């Protein structure tokens, strides 16, 4: 009886470790996502340039232009800790804020924080 309880607890622990903490998102190159937030300051996991850098490079800060924009995944890298880092660009092939063609995204965190959503 005690062996069965021990085995049940052990398997429950192993199962929760392997599936409880990691949510897998099947993302591949070419997938389309939609930006969800309104303001540049609201993004924590999408690495947009800072406002002062945009202005120095001659770009235009237009926060309203972010929400609803379709972005395309260009490349994906997986870090040692399992974090997926993707390089994205606008599907319209324009530049973000008129200065930067591509930005990087921590995919797992950005999807959980509702910064990007599947199209």
C-alpha atoms as a PDB file:
ATOM      1  CA  UNK A   1       0.000   0.000   0.000  1.00  0.00           C
ATOM      2  CA  UNK A   2       2.698   2.485   0.984  1.00  0.00           C
ATOM      3  CA  UNK A   3       4.725   1.582  -2.129  1.00  0.00           C
ATOM      4  CA  UNK A   4       1.756   2.331  -4.358  1.00  0.00           C
ATOM      5  CA  UNK A   5       1.218   5.702  -2.688  1.00  0.00           C
ATOM      6  CA  UNK A   6       4.903   6.516  -3.033  1.00  0.00           C
ATOM      7  CA  UNK A   7       4.885   5.590  -6.738  1.00  0.00           C
ATOM      8  CA  UNK A   8       1.741   7.620  -7.330  1.00  0.00           C
ATOM      9  CA  UNK A   9       3.285  10.690  -5.692  1.00  0.00           C
ATOM     10  CA  UNK A  10       6.527  10.176  -7.623  1.00  0.00           C
ATOM     11  CA  UNK A  11       4.766   9.932 -10.997  1.00  0.00           C
ATOM     12  CA  UNK A  12       2.593  12.920 -10.147  1.00  0.00           C
ATOM     13  CA  UNK A  13       5.673  14.959  -9.324  1.00  0.00           C
ATOM     14  CA  UNK A  14       7.457  13.942 -12.532  1.00  0.00           C
ATOM     15  CA  UNK A  15       4.379  14.684 -14.621  1.00  0.00           C
ATOM     16  CA  UNK A  16       3.907  18.139 -13.078  1.00  0.00           C
ATOM     17  CA  UNK A  17       7.579  19.008 -13.634  1.00  0.00           C
ATOM     18  CA  UNK A  18       7.525  18.062 -17.284  1.00  0.00           C
ATOM     19  CA  UNK A  19       4.195  19.666 -18.224  1.00  0.00           C
ATOM     20  CA  UNK A  20       3.268  22.156 -15.544  1.00  0.00           C
ATOM     21  CA  UNK A  21       5.805  24.912 -16.034  1.00  0.00           C
ATOM     22  CA  UNK A  22       6.477  24.998 -19.762  1.00  0.00           C
ATOM     23  CA  UNK A  23       3.843  25.909 -22.304  1.00  0.00           C
ATOM     24  CA  UNK A  24       4.961  24.962 -25.784  1.00  0.00           C
ATOM     25  CA  UNK A  25       4.022  27.225 -28.661  1.00  0.00           C
ATOM     26  CA  UNK A  26       4.492  25.716 -32.072  1.00  0.00           C
ATOM     27  CA  UNK A  27       5.902  28.674 -33.965  1.00  0.00           C
ATOM     28  CA  UNK A  28       7.752  28.450 -37.244  1.00  0.00           C
ATOM     29  CA  UNK A  29       9.349  30.884 -39.665  1.00  0.00           C
ATOM     30  CA  UNK A  30       6.684  32.646 -41.718  1.00  0.00           C
ATOM     31  CA  UNK A  31       3.969  32.579 -39.032  1.00  0.00           C
ATOM     32  CA  UNK A  32       1.860  35.725 -38.721  1.00  0.00           C
ATOM     33  CA  UNK A  33       1.066  37.443 -35.404  1.00  0.00           C
ATOM     34  CA  UNK A  34      -0.849  40.596 -34.483  1.00  0.00           C
ATOM     35  CA  UNK A  35       0.497  43.270 -32.123  1.00  0.00           C
ATOM     36  CA  UNK A  36      -1.960  43.809 -29.261  1.00  0.00           C
ATOM     37  CA  UNK A  37      -0.840  46.789 -27.168  1.00  0.00           C
ATOM     38  CA  UNK A  38      -1.404  50.468 -27.928  1.00  0.00           C
ATOM     39  CA  UNK A  39       1.592  52.279 -26.495  1.00  0.00           C
ATOM     40  CA  UNK A  40       5.289  51.738 -27.003  1.00  0.00           C
ATOM     41  CA  UNK A  41       5.798  51.683 -23.214  1.00  0.00           C
ATOM     42  CA  UNK A  42       3.346  48.785 -22.817  1.00  0.00           C
ATOM     43  CA  UNK A  43       5.632  46.299 -24.543  1.00  0.00           C
ATOM     44  CA  UNK A  44       7.929  44.399 -22.224  1.00  0.00           C
ATOM     45  CA  UNK A  45       8.880  41.361 -24.337  1.00  0.00           C
ATOM     46  CA  UNK A  46       8.922  42.958 -27.794  1.00  0.00           C
ATOM     47  CA  UNK A  47      12.168  44.902 -28.049  1.00  0.00           C
ATOM     48  CA  UNK A  48      11.112  48.100 -29.773  1.00  0.00           C
ATOM     49  CA  UNK A  49      13.707  50.904 -29.712  1.00  0.00           C
ATOM     50  CA  UNK A  50      13.369  53.548 -27.007  1.00  0.00           C
ATOM     51  CA  UNK A  51      11.551  56.770 -27.851  1.00  0.00           C
ATOM     52  CA  UNK A  52      14.705  58.908 -27.702  1.00  0.00           C
ATOM     53  CA  UNK A  53      16.480  56.603 -30.160  1.00  0.00           C
ATOM     54  CA  UNK A  54      13.545  56.780 -32.567  1.00  0.00           C
ATOM     55  CA  UNK A  55      13.636  60.573 -32.483  1.00  0.00           C
ATOM     56  CA  UNK A  56      17.444  60.728 -32.905  1.00  0.00           C
ATOM     57  CA  UNK A  57      17.258  58.545 -36.011  1.00  0.00           C
ATOM     58  CA  UNK A  58      14.544  60.743 -37.508  1.00  0.00           C
ATOM     59  CA  UNK A  59      11.677  58.337 -36.940  1.00  0.00           C
ATOM     60  CA  UNK A  60       8.132  59.191 -35.971  1.00  0.00           C
ATOM     61  CA  UNK A  61       6.630  57.889 -32.735  1.00  0.00           C
ATOM     62  CA  UNK A  62       3.090  56.940 -33.622  1.00  0.00           C
ATOM     63  CA  UNK A  63       1.734  54.712 -30.889  1.00  0.00           C
ATOM     64  CA  UNK A  64      -1.571  54.179 -32.658  1.00  0.00           C
ATOM     65  CA  UNK A  65       0.198  52.520 -35.552  1.00  0.00           C
ATOM     66  CA  UNK A  66       1.254  49.522 -33.422  1.00  0.00           C
ATOM     67  CA  UNK A  67      -2.021  47.877 -32.377  1.00  0.00           C
ATOM     68  CA  UNK A  68      -3.414  45.523 -34.950  1.00  0.00           C
ATOM     69  CA  UNK A  69      -0.301  45.445 -37.124  1.00  0.00           C
ATOM     70  CA  UNK A  70       0.457  42.057 -38.640  1.00  0.00           C
ATOM     71  CA  UNK A  71       4.026  40.887 -38.120  1.00  0.00           C
ATOM     72  CA  UNK A  72       5.840  37.960 -39.723  1.00  0.00           C
ATOM     73  CA  UNK A  73       8.390  35.698 -38.014  1.00  0.00           C
ATOM     74  CA  UNK A  74      11.711  35.865 -39.885  1.00  0.00           C
ATOM     75  CA  UNK A  75      13.930  33.699 -37.669  1.00  0.00           C
ATOM     76  CA  UNK A  76      13.694  31.763 -34.406  1.00  0.00           C
ATOM     77  CA  UNK A  77      16.408  30.914 -31.886  1.00  0.00           C
ATOM     78  CA  UNK A  78      16.062  28.894 -28.707  1.00  0.00           C
ATOM     79  CA  UNK A  79      18.151  29.882 -25.701  1.00  0.00           C
ATOM     80  CA  UNK A  80      19.595  27.351 -23.266  1.00  0.00           C
ATOM     81  CA  UNK A  81      16.784  27.999 -20.780  1.00  0.00           C
ATOM     82  CA  UNK A  82      14.142  27.155 -23.422  1.00  0.00           C
ATOM     83  CA  UNK A  83      13.112  30.731 -24.209  1.00  0.00           C
ATOM     84  CA  UNK A  84      12.223  31.266 -27.856  1.00  0.00           C
ATOM     85  CA  UNK A  85      13.605  34.468 -29.364  1.00  0.00           C
ATOM     86  CA  UNK A  86      12.113  35.437 -32.727  1.00  0.00           C
ATOM     87  CA  UNK A  87      13.020  38.165 -35.137  1.00  0.00           C
ATOM     88  CA  UNK A  88       9.895  39.766 -36.623  1.00  0.00           C
ATOM     89  CA  UNK A  89       9.127  42.368 -39.263  1.00  0.00           C
ATOM     90  CA  UNK A  90       5.948  44.024 -40.459  1.00  0.00           C
ATOM     91  CA  UNK A  91       4.048  41.983 -42.997  1.00  0.00           C
ATOM     92  CA  UNK A  92       3.730  45.115 -45.130  1.00  0.00           C
ATOM     93  CA  UNK A  93       7.581  45.223 -45.365  1.00  0.00           C
ATOM     94  CA  UNK A  94       7.633  48.739 -43.911  1.00  0.00           C
ATOM     95  CA  UNK A  95       9.880  49.771 -41.027  1.00  0.00           C
ATOM     96  CA  UNK A  96       8.827  50.125 -37.401  1.00  0.00           C
ATOM     97  CA  UNK A  97       8.550  53.876 -36.694  1.00  0.00           C
ATOM     98  CA  UNK A  98      10.248  54.547 -40.020  1.00  0.00           C
ATOM     99  CA  UNK A  99      13.693  53.502 -38.784  1.00  0.00           C
ATOM    100  CA  UNK A 100      13.943  49.808 -37.916  1.00  0.00           C
ATOM    101  CA  UNK A 101      13.063  46.903 -40.190  1.00  0.00           C
ATOM    102  CA  UNK A 102      13.177  44.088 -37.607  1.00  0.00           C
ATOM    103  CA  UNK A 103      12.752  43.692 -33.855  1.00  0.00           C
ATOM    104  CA  UNK A 104      13.160  40.696 -31.555  1.00  0.00           C
ATOM    105  CA  UNK A 105      10.496  39.097 -29.390  1.00  0.00           C
ATOM    106  CA  UNK A 106      10.587  36.681 -26.480  1.00  0.00           C
ATOM    107  CA  UNK A 107       7.755  34.587 -27.906  1.00  0.00           C
ATOM    108  CA  UNK A 108       6.592  32.567 -24.904  1.00  0.00           C
ATOM    109  CA  UNK A 109       6.490  35.586 -22.603  1.00  0.00           C
ATOM    110  CA  UNK A 110       4.971  37.948 -25.180  1.00  0.00           C
ATOM    111  CA  UNK A 111       2.143  35.533 -25.911  1.00  0.00           C
ATOM    112  CA  UNK A 112       1.398  35.013 -22.226  1.00  0.00           C
ATOM    113  CA  UNK A 113       1.447  38.797 -21.612  1.00  0.00           C
ATOM    114  CA  UNK A 114      -0.907  39.337 -24.591  1.00  0.00           C
ATOM    115  CA  UNK A 115       1.572  41.569 -26.393  1.00  0.00           C
ATOM    116  CA  UNK A 116       1.189  39.468 -29.536  1.00  0.00           C
ATOM    117  CA  UNK A 117      -1.524  37.048 -30.637  1.00  0.00           C
ATOM    118  CA  UNK A 118      -1.854  34.433 -33.359  1.00  0.00           C
ATOM    119  CA  UNK A 119      -3.440  35.628 -36.562  1.00  0.00           C
END
